[in-house]
C-alpha cells in the first residue's frame, strides 16, 4: 500500500511538471521587413489616428505582426536594411530592431515602416512587449487574440 501511494505521488508530480513545461513557449522571429529610408522631410507613413510615430500590434495566422512607423535610424539602413532579434522570458517579449550594417554613418533617416512577425504566441494568453528601435516602447500589455489590433502613439509608450 505504501509503495502504491508513493508511485501515485510521483506520477502526479511528474504530470504537473510536464504540464508546466508544456505551457512555456519560445517566441521566434518569422520575418522582418522595412520600407527603407524616406527621401522626404515629411514622415513617410501615417496610419491610424494621425500620430507621427506609432507601434501597431496585429494578429495574423503567421504570428504577431509588430509594425513600427516612422522610426529614426542610422542611415546605414540604406546599405544593409533592418534586422530584428526576439527573445522571451515567460510571457515577456523583447523585440530589438537594429541596422544590419553596423558601420554607423554620421546621418539619420526616417524609416516609414518596420514590420516584424513573431511566431510562437498562444491565443488567449496575455503578454508584455518591450520593442526597441529608436527608443523603447513598453511595457505594452496585450492579450493575443484573433481580433487584436492595437495602435499606440510613441508619446504615450516610448521612454
N, C-alpha and C. Protein backbone atom coordinates (compact mmCIF):
# COMPACT_ATOMS: atom_id res chain seq x y z
N UNK A 1 0.83 -1.20 0.00
CA UNK A 1 0.00 0.00 0.00
C UNK A 1 0.87 1.25 0.00
N UNK A 2 1.91 1.27 0.84
CA UNK A 2 2.81 2.42 0.93
C UNK A 2 3.48 2.70 -0.42
N UNK A 3 3.87 1.65 -1.10
CA UNK A 3 4.53 1.78 -2.41
C UNK A 3 3.56 2.35 -3.45
N UNK A 4 2.30 1.98 -3.39
CA UNK A 4 1.30 2.47 -4.33
C UNK A 4 1.07 3.97 -4.14
N UNK A 5 1.00 4.41 -2.92
CA UNK A 5 0.81 5.83 -2.63
C UNK A 5 2.02 6.62 -3.13
N UNK A 6 3.20 6.07 -2.90
CA UNK A 6 4.43 6.72 -3.34
C UNK A 6 4.45 6.84 -4.87
N UNK A 7 4.08 5.79 -5.58
CA UNK A 7 4.03 5.81 -7.05
C UNK A 7 3.00 6.82 -7.55
N UNK A 8 1.85 6.85 -6.89
CA UNK A 8 0.81 7.80 -7.27
C UNK A 8 1.31 9.24 -7.08
N UNK A 9 1.98 9.49 -5.97
CA UNK A 9 2.54 10.82 -5.71
C UNK A 9 3.56 11.19 -6.79
N UNK A 10 4.46 10.29 -7.14
CA UNK A 10 5.46 10.55 -8.18
C UNK A 10 4.81 10.77 -9.55
N UNK A 11 3.78 10.02 -9.85
CA UNK A 11 3.06 10.19 -11.10
C UNK A 11 2.41 11.56 -11.18
N UNK A 12 1.75 11.98 -10.11
CA UNK A 12 1.10 13.30 -10.08
C UNK A 12 2.13 14.42 -10.18
N UNK A 13 3.23 14.27 -9.49
CA UNK A 13 4.29 15.28 -9.53
C UNK A 13 4.87 15.40 -10.93
N UNK A 14 5.16 14.29 -11.58
CA UNK A 14 5.72 14.33 -12.93
C UNK A 14 4.69 14.87 -13.93
N UNK A 15 3.41 14.58 -13.72
CA UNK A 15 2.37 15.13 -14.59
C UNK A 15 2.30 16.65 -14.47
N UNK A 16 2.39 17.16 -13.26
CA UNK A 16 2.38 18.61 -13.05
C UNK A 16 3.58 19.26 -13.71
N UNK A 17 4.74 18.65 -13.59
CA UNK A 17 5.94 19.20 -14.22
C UNK A 17 5.81 19.21 -15.74
N UNK A 18 5.27 18.16 -16.31
CA UNK A 18 5.06 18.11 -17.77
C UNK A 18 4.09 19.19 -18.22
N UNK A 19 3.03 19.40 -17.47
CA UNK A 19 2.07 20.45 -17.82
C UNK A 19 2.71 21.83 -17.74
N UNK A 20 3.49 22.05 -16.71
CA UNK A 20 4.16 23.35 -16.56
C UNK A 20 5.15 23.59 -17.69
N UNK A 21 5.87 22.57 -18.08
CA UNK A 21 6.85 22.72 -19.17
C UNK A 21 6.15 22.90 -20.51
N UNK A 22 5.04 22.25 -20.71
CA UNK A 22 4.32 22.36 -21.98
C UNK A 22 3.79 23.76 -22.21
N UNK A 23 3.47 24.49 -21.13
CA UNK A 23 2.92 25.83 -21.28
C UNK A 23 3.99 26.85 -21.66
N UNK A 24 5.22 26.63 -21.23
CA UNK A 24 6.32 27.54 -21.54
C UNK A 24 6.65 27.44 -23.03
N UNK A 25 6.54 28.55 -23.73
CA UNK A 25 6.83 28.56 -25.15
C UNK A 25 7.95 29.56 -25.44
N UNK A 26 8.60 29.35 -26.55
CA UNK A 26 9.63 30.26 -27.00
C UNK A 26 9.15 30.95 -28.26
N UNK A 27 9.22 32.26 -28.25
CA UNK A 27 8.83 33.01 -29.44
C UNK A 27 9.98 32.99 -30.43
N UNK A 28 9.65 33.21 -31.71
CA UNK A 28 10.67 33.20 -32.75
C UNK A 28 10.33 34.23 -33.82
N UNK A 29 11.36 34.78 -34.41
CA UNK A 29 11.17 35.73 -35.49
C UNK A 29 10.82 34.97 -36.76
N UNK A 30 9.67 35.30 -37.36
CA UNK A 30 9.26 34.68 -38.61
C UNK A 30 9.84 35.47 -39.78
N UNK A 31 9.73 36.79 -39.72
CA UNK A 31 10.32 37.64 -40.76
C UNK A 31 10.36 39.09 -40.30
N UNK A 32 11.20 39.87 -40.94
CA UNK A 32 11.29 41.31 -40.69
C UNK A 32 11.46 41.99 -42.05
N UNK A 33 10.81 43.14 -42.20
CA UNK A 33 10.95 43.91 -43.43
C UNK A 33 10.88 45.39 -43.09
N UNK A 34 11.36 46.22 -44.01
CA UNK A 34 11.32 47.67 -43.79
C UNK A 34 11.10 48.37 -45.13
N UNK A 35 10.65 49.60 -45.06
CA UNK A 35 10.39 50.38 -46.27
C UNK A 35 11.61 51.16 -46.73
N UNK A 36 12.71 51.07 -45.99
CA UNK A 36 13.92 51.81 -46.34
C UNK A 36 13.83 53.26 -45.89
N UNK A 37 14.88 53.99 -46.16
CA UNK A 37 14.94 55.40 -45.78
C UNK A 37 14.03 56.23 -46.66
N UNK A 38 13.31 57.13 -46.03
CA UNK A 38 12.46 58.05 -46.77
C UNK A 38 13.33 59.18 -47.30
N UNK A 39 13.06 59.61 -48.50
CA UNK A 39 13.79 60.74 -49.07
C UNK A 39 13.08 62.05 -48.77
N UNK A 40 11.94 61.95 -48.15
CA UNK A 40 11.13 63.13 -47.86
C UNK A 40 11.43 63.67 -46.47
N UNK A 41 11.32 64.95 -46.30
CA UNK A 41 11.44 65.56 -44.98
C UNK A 41 10.18 65.30 -44.16
N UNK A 42 9.08 64.97 -44.84
CA UNK A 42 7.81 64.65 -44.17
C UNK A 42 7.87 63.19 -43.78
N UNK A 43 7.25 62.84 -42.66
CA UNK A 43 7.23 61.44 -42.25
C UNK A 43 6.65 60.59 -43.37
N UNK A 44 7.24 59.43 -43.55
CA UNK A 44 6.90 58.58 -44.67
C UNK A 44 5.55 57.88 -44.54
N UNK A 45 5.15 57.54 -43.35
CA UNK A 45 3.94 56.73 -43.17
C UNK A 45 3.11 57.29 -42.03
N UNK A 46 1.83 57.36 -42.24
CA UNK A 46 0.90 57.65 -41.15
C UNK A 46 -0.23 56.64 -41.23
N UNK A 47 -0.56 56.04 -40.12
CA UNK A 47 -1.69 55.13 -40.10
C UNK A 47 -2.40 55.32 -38.78
N UNK A 48 -3.67 55.07 -38.77
CA UNK A 48 -4.42 55.23 -37.53
C UNK A 48 -4.78 56.68 -37.29
N UNK A 49 -4.64 57.12 -36.05
CA UNK A 49 -5.10 58.44 -35.63
C UNK A 49 -4.24 59.61 -36.02
N UNK A 50 -3.38 59.47 -37.01
CA UNK A 50 -2.61 60.61 -37.48
C UNK A 50 -1.36 60.90 -36.66
N UNK A 51 -0.98 60.02 -35.76
CA UNK A 51 0.24 60.24 -34.99
C UNK A 51 1.45 60.06 -35.89
N UNK A 52 2.49 60.81 -35.61
CA UNK A 52 3.70 60.73 -36.43
C UNK A 52 4.44 59.42 -36.24
N UNK A 53 4.43 58.86 -35.07
CA UNK A 53 5.19 57.67 -34.78
C UNK A 53 4.33 56.72 -33.96
N UNK A 54 4.20 55.49 -34.44
CA UNK A 54 3.31 54.53 -33.78
C UNK A 54 3.91 53.15 -33.71
N UNK A 55 3.37 52.35 -32.82
CA UNK A 55 3.63 50.93 -32.76
C UNK A 55 2.26 50.26 -32.92
N UNK A 56 2.16 49.35 -33.88
CA UNK A 56 0.89 48.69 -34.18
C UNK A 56 1.07 47.19 -33.98
N UNK A 57 0.21 46.59 -33.16
CA UNK A 57 0.23 45.15 -32.93
C UNK A 57 -1.02 44.55 -33.54
N UNK A 58 -0.83 43.48 -34.34
CA UNK A 58 -1.95 42.83 -35.00
C UNK A 58 -1.76 41.32 -35.02
N UNK A 59 -2.87 40.61 -35.01
CA UNK A 59 -2.87 39.16 -35.16
C UNK A 59 -2.75 38.81 -36.63
N UNK A 60 -2.01 37.75 -36.94
CA UNK A 60 -2.05 37.12 -38.26
C UNK A 60 -1.88 35.62 -38.06
N UNK A 61 -2.20 34.85 -39.07
CA UNK A 61 -2.06 33.40 -38.97
C UNK A 61 -0.60 32.99 -38.77
N UNK A 62 0.35 33.84 -39.23
CA UNK A 62 1.78 33.54 -39.07
C UNK A 62 2.31 33.92 -37.70
N UNK A 63 1.61 34.82 -37.00
CA UNK A 63 2.06 35.25 -35.69
C UNK A 63 1.72 36.70 -35.43
N UNK A 64 2.28 37.24 -34.37
CA UNK A 64 2.06 38.63 -34.01
C UNK A 64 2.80 39.53 -34.99
N UNK A 65 2.06 40.46 -35.61
CA UNK A 65 2.66 41.43 -36.53
C UNK A 65 2.88 42.72 -35.75
N UNK A 66 4.15 43.15 -35.68
CA UNK A 66 4.51 44.40 -35.00
C UNK A 66 5.01 45.36 -36.07
N UNK A 67 4.32 46.49 -36.22
CA UNK A 67 4.74 47.50 -37.18
C UNK A 67 5.12 48.76 -36.43
N UNK A 68 6.32 49.20 -36.65
CA UNK A 68 6.82 50.46 -36.06
C UNK A 68 6.87 51.47 -37.19
N UNK A 69 6.10 52.55 -37.08
CA UNK A 69 6.08 53.56 -38.14
C UNK A 69 6.98 54.72 -37.78
N UNK A 70 7.60 55.26 -38.83
CA UNK A 70 8.41 56.48 -38.74
C UNK A 70 9.51 56.43 -37.69
N UNK A 71 10.28 55.37 -37.72
CA UNK A 71 11.43 55.24 -36.84
C UNK A 71 12.60 56.05 -37.41
N UNK A 72 13.38 56.64 -36.54
CA UNK A 72 14.57 57.35 -36.98
C UNK A 72 15.78 56.48 -36.64
N UNK A 73 16.43 55.97 -37.68
CA UNK A 73 17.57 55.07 -37.52
C UNK A 73 18.79 55.66 -38.21
N UNK A 74 19.93 55.02 -38.01
CA UNK A 74 21.13 55.45 -38.70
C UNK A 74 20.96 55.16 -40.19
N UNK A 75 21.48 56.04 -41.03
CA UNK A 75 21.27 55.87 -42.48
C UNK A 75 22.07 54.70 -43.06
N UNK A 76 22.80 53.96 -42.24
CA UNK A 76 23.42 52.73 -42.72
C UNK A 76 22.35 51.71 -43.11
N UNK A 77 21.10 52.00 -42.74
CA UNK A 77 19.97 51.16 -43.16
C UNK A 77 19.96 51.03 -44.69
N UNK A 78 20.38 52.07 -45.38
CA UNK A 78 20.42 52.04 -46.86
C UNK A 78 21.32 50.92 -47.36
N UNK A 79 22.36 50.61 -46.62
CA UNK A 79 23.33 49.59 -47.06
C UNK A 79 22.92 48.17 -46.72
N UNK A 80 22.29 47.98 -45.56
CA UNK A 80 22.03 46.61 -45.13
C UNK A 80 20.63 46.31 -44.68
N UNK A 81 19.76 47.30 -44.66
CA UNK A 81 18.40 47.07 -44.20
C UNK A 81 18.33 46.94 -42.68
N UNK A 82 17.22 46.44 -42.22
CA UNK A 82 16.92 46.34 -40.79
C UNK A 82 16.89 44.88 -40.38
N UNK A 83 17.42 44.60 -39.19
CA UNK A 83 17.36 43.26 -38.61
C UNK A 83 16.53 43.31 -37.35
N UNK A 84 16.25 42.14 -36.80
CA UNK A 84 15.45 42.07 -35.58
C UNK A 84 15.86 40.84 -34.79
N UNK A 85 15.96 41.01 -33.48
CA UNK A 85 16.24 39.91 -32.57
C UNK A 85 15.09 39.83 -31.57
N UNK A 86 14.57 38.64 -31.38
CA UNK A 86 13.41 38.44 -30.50
C UNK A 86 13.76 37.40 -29.44
N UNK A 87 13.35 37.68 -28.19
CA UNK A 87 13.52 36.71 -27.11
C UNK A 87 12.36 36.86 -26.13
N UNK A 88 12.22 35.88 -25.29
CA UNK A 88 11.17 35.96 -24.27
C UNK A 88 11.60 35.27 -23.00
N UNK A 89 11.04 35.78 -21.90
CA UNK A 89 11.13 35.15 -20.60
C UNK A 89 9.70 35.01 -20.15
N UNK A 90 9.19 33.78 -20.18
CA UNK A 90 7.77 33.59 -19.89
C UNK A 90 6.95 34.33 -20.92
N UNK A 91 6.05 35.18 -20.45
CA UNK A 91 5.19 35.93 -21.36
C UNK A 91 5.67 37.37 -21.58
N UNK A 92 6.92 37.64 -21.25
CA UNK A 92 7.51 38.95 -21.53
C UNK A 92 8.39 38.81 -22.77
N UNK A 93 8.09 39.62 -23.79
CA UNK A 93 8.76 39.54 -25.08
C UNK A 93 9.63 40.78 -25.28
N UNK A 94 10.87 40.56 -25.70
CA UNK A 94 11.79 41.64 -26.08
C UNK A 94 11.98 41.55 -27.59
N UNK A 95 11.75 42.66 -28.27
CA UNK A 95 11.94 42.73 -29.72
C UNK A 95 12.90 43.89 -29.99
N UNK A 96 14.10 43.57 -30.46
CA UNK A 96 15.12 44.59 -30.70
C UNK A 96 15.36 44.74 -32.20
N UNK A 97 15.08 45.94 -32.72
CA UNK A 97 15.30 46.26 -34.13
C UNK A 97 16.64 46.98 -34.24
N UNK A 98 17.41 46.65 -35.28
CA UNK A 98 18.73 47.26 -35.44
C UNK A 98 19.09 47.36 -36.92
N UNK A 99 20.09 48.18 -37.21
CA UNK A 99 20.61 48.31 -38.56
C UNK A 99 21.53 47.12 -38.82
N UNK A 100 21.29 46.38 -39.92
CA UNK A 100 22.13 45.23 -40.24
C UNK A 100 23.58 45.64 -40.50
N UNK A 101 23.76 46.76 -41.15
CA UNK A 101 25.11 47.27 -41.42
C UNK A 101 25.56 48.02 -40.18
N UNK A 102 26.43 47.42 -39.40
CA UNK A 102 26.86 48.02 -38.13
C UNK A 102 27.90 49.13 -38.33
N UNK A 103 28.17 49.49 -39.59
CA UNK A 103 29.08 50.59 -39.90
C UNK A 103 28.30 51.89 -39.84
N UNK A 104 28.12 52.44 -38.64
CA UNK A 104 27.27 53.60 -38.46
C UNK A 104 27.85 54.82 -39.16
N UNK A 105 27.00 55.52 -39.86
CA UNK A 105 27.35 56.71 -40.60
C UNK A 105 26.91 57.93 -39.82
N UNK A 106 27.40 59.09 -40.20
CA UNK A 106 27.05 60.33 -39.50
C UNK A 106 25.79 60.94 -40.08
N UNK A 107 24.75 60.15 -40.11
CA UNK A 107 23.47 60.65 -40.62
C UNK A 107 22.35 59.75 -40.10
N UNK A 108 21.16 60.27 -40.11
CA UNK A 108 19.97 59.53 -39.72
C UNK A 108 18.99 59.53 -40.86
N UNK A 109 18.07 58.59 -40.83
CA UNK A 109 16.99 58.59 -41.81
C UNK A 109 15.71 58.12 -41.15
N UNK A 110 14.61 58.50 -41.73
CA UNK A 110 13.30 58.04 -41.26
C UNK A 110 12.92 56.81 -42.07
N UNK A 111 12.56 55.77 -41.34
CA UNK A 111 12.09 54.55 -41.99
C UNK A 111 10.58 54.54 -41.81
N UNK A 112 9.85 54.56 -42.92
CA UNK A 112 8.40 54.66 -42.88
C UNK A 112 7.74 53.56 -42.07
N UNK A 113 8.19 52.32 -42.25
CA UNK A 113 7.60 51.20 -41.50
C UNK A 113 8.61 50.07 -41.39
N UNK A 114 8.70 49.53 -40.19
CA UNK A 114 9.47 48.33 -39.92
C UNK A 114 8.47 47.30 -39.42
N UNK A 115 8.37 46.18 -40.10
CA UNK A 115 7.39 45.16 -39.74
C UNK A 115 8.09 43.87 -39.35
N UNK A 116 7.79 43.39 -38.15
CA UNK A 116 8.32 42.12 -37.65
C UNK A 116 7.14 41.19 -37.40
N UNK A 117 7.31 39.93 -37.74
CA UNK A 117 6.30 38.92 -37.43
C UNK A 117 6.94 37.93 -36.47
N UNK A 118 6.27 37.73 -35.34
CA UNK A 118 6.79 36.87 -34.28
C UNK A 118 5.85 35.69 -34.08
N UNK A 119 6.38 34.49 -34.21
CA UNK A 119 5.60 33.28 -34.03
C UNK A 119 5.80 32.69 -32.64
N UNK A 120 4.97 31.73 -32.30
CA UNK A 120 5.10 31.01 -31.04
C UNK A 120 4.19 31.51 -29.93
N UNK A 121 3.40 32.54 -30.19
CA UNK A 121 2.47 33.04 -29.17
C UNK A 121 1.24 32.15 -29.11
N UNK A 122 0.64 32.08 -27.94
CA UNK A 122 -0.55 31.25 -27.74
C UNK A 122 -1.79 32.12 -27.69
N UNK A 123 -2.82 31.76 -28.44
CA UNK A 123 -4.08 32.50 -28.43
C UNK A 123 -4.66 32.54 -27.02
N UNK A 124 -5.17 33.69 -26.65
CA UNK A 124 -5.80 33.86 -25.34
C UNK A 124 -4.84 34.21 -24.22
N UNK A 125 -3.54 34.14 -24.48
CA UNK A 125 -2.54 34.45 -23.44
C UNK A 125 -2.27 35.96 -23.39
N UNK A 126 -1.96 36.45 -22.20
CA UNK A 126 -1.59 37.84 -22.01
C UNK A 126 -0.05 37.94 -22.07
N UNK A 127 0.44 38.92 -22.81
CA UNK A 127 1.87 39.14 -23.00
C UNK A 127 2.24 40.58 -22.65
N UNK A 128 3.51 40.77 -22.33
CA UNK A 128 4.07 42.11 -22.14
C UNK A 128 5.20 42.26 -23.16
N UNK A 129 5.13 43.34 -23.94
CA UNK A 129 6.10 43.57 -25.01
C UNK A 129 6.95 44.79 -24.72
N UNK A 130 8.25 44.64 -24.96
CA UNK A 130 9.19 45.76 -25.00
C UNK A 130 9.77 45.78 -26.40
N UNK A 131 9.56 46.87 -27.12
CA UNK A 131 10.03 46.98 -28.50
C UNK A 131 11.10 48.05 -28.57
N UNK A 132 12.30 47.65 -28.97
CA UNK A 132 13.44 48.56 -29.04
C UNK A 132 13.71 48.89 -30.51
N UNK A 133 13.62 50.16 -30.86
CA UNK A 133 14.04 50.60 -32.20
C UNK A 133 14.80 51.90 -32.02
N UNK A 134 14.15 53.03 -32.15
CA UNK A 134 14.82 54.31 -31.89
C UNK A 134 14.42 54.83 -30.52
N UNK A 135 14.27 53.95 -29.61
CA UNK A 135 13.83 54.19 -28.25
C UNK A 135 13.20 52.89 -27.78
N UNK A 136 12.60 52.91 -26.63
CA UNK A 136 11.96 51.69 -26.12
C UNK A 136 10.47 51.94 -25.96
N UNK A 137 9.67 51.13 -26.66
CA UNK A 137 8.23 51.11 -26.44
C UNK A 137 7.99 50.06 -25.37
N UNK A 138 7.25 50.43 -24.34
CA UNK A 138 6.90 49.42 -23.38
C UNK A 138 6.90 49.95 -21.96
N UNK A 139 6.33 49.19 -21.08
CA UNK A 139 5.73 47.89 -21.34
C UNK A 139 4.36 48.03 -22.01
N UNK A 140 4.13 47.19 -23.00
CA UNK A 140 2.83 47.13 -23.67
C UNK A 140 2.22 45.78 -23.31
N UNK A 141 1.12 45.81 -22.59
CA UNK A 141 0.43 44.57 -22.18
C UNK A 141 -0.74 44.35 -23.13
N UNK A 142 -0.83 43.14 -23.67
CA UNK A 142 -1.91 42.81 -24.61
C UNK A 142 -2.26 41.33 -24.48
N UNK A 143 -3.47 41.00 -24.91
CA UNK A 143 -3.89 39.60 -25.00
C UNK A 143 -3.90 39.22 -26.47
N UNK A 144 -3.22 38.14 -26.79
CA UNK A 144 -3.08 37.70 -28.18
C UNK A 144 -4.37 36.98 -28.61
N UNK A 145 -5.20 37.68 -29.36
CA UNK A 145 -6.47 37.15 -29.87
C UNK A 145 -6.56 37.40 -31.36
N UNK A 146 -7.47 36.72 -32.02
CA UNK A 146 -7.64 36.87 -33.48
C UNK A 146 -8.11 38.26 -33.88
N UNK A 147 -8.73 38.99 -32.97
CA UNK A 147 -9.20 40.35 -33.31
C UNK A 147 -8.24 41.44 -32.79
N UNK A 148 -7.02 41.05 -32.45
CA UNK A 148 -6.05 42.01 -31.94
C UNK A 148 -5.67 43.05 -32.99
N UNK A 149 -5.84 44.30 -32.68
CA UNK A 149 -5.32 45.44 -33.45
C UNK A 149 -5.18 46.58 -32.45
N UNK A 150 -3.95 46.80 -32.04
CA UNK A 150 -3.63 47.79 -31.04
C UNK A 150 -2.70 48.82 -31.67
N UNK A 151 -3.11 50.10 -31.66
CA UNK A 151 -2.32 51.18 -32.24
C UNK A 151 -1.90 52.11 -31.10
N UNK A 152 -0.59 52.26 -30.91
CA UNK A 152 -0.05 53.04 -29.79
C UNK A 152 0.77 54.21 -30.33
N UNK A 153 0.54 55.39 -29.77
CA UNK A 153 1.32 56.57 -30.13
C UNK A 153 2.65 56.55 -29.37
N UNK A 154 3.70 56.98 -30.04
CA UNK A 154 5.03 56.98 -29.44
C UNK A 154 5.07 57.83 -28.17
N UNK A 155 4.37 58.93 -28.16
CA UNK A 155 4.39 59.82 -27.00
C UNK A 155 3.91 59.14 -25.72
N UNK A 156 3.02 58.17 -25.86
CA UNK A 156 2.46 57.50 -24.68
C UNK A 156 3.34 56.38 -24.17
N UNK A 157 3.99 55.64 -25.05
CA UNK A 157 4.65 54.40 -24.65
C UNK A 157 6.16 54.41 -24.78
N UNK A 158 6.74 55.46 -25.32
CA UNK A 158 8.18 55.46 -25.52
C UNK A 158 8.91 56.12 -24.37
N UNK A 159 10.02 55.54 -23.99
CA UNK A 159 10.88 56.13 -22.97
C UNK A 159 12.32 55.79 -23.25
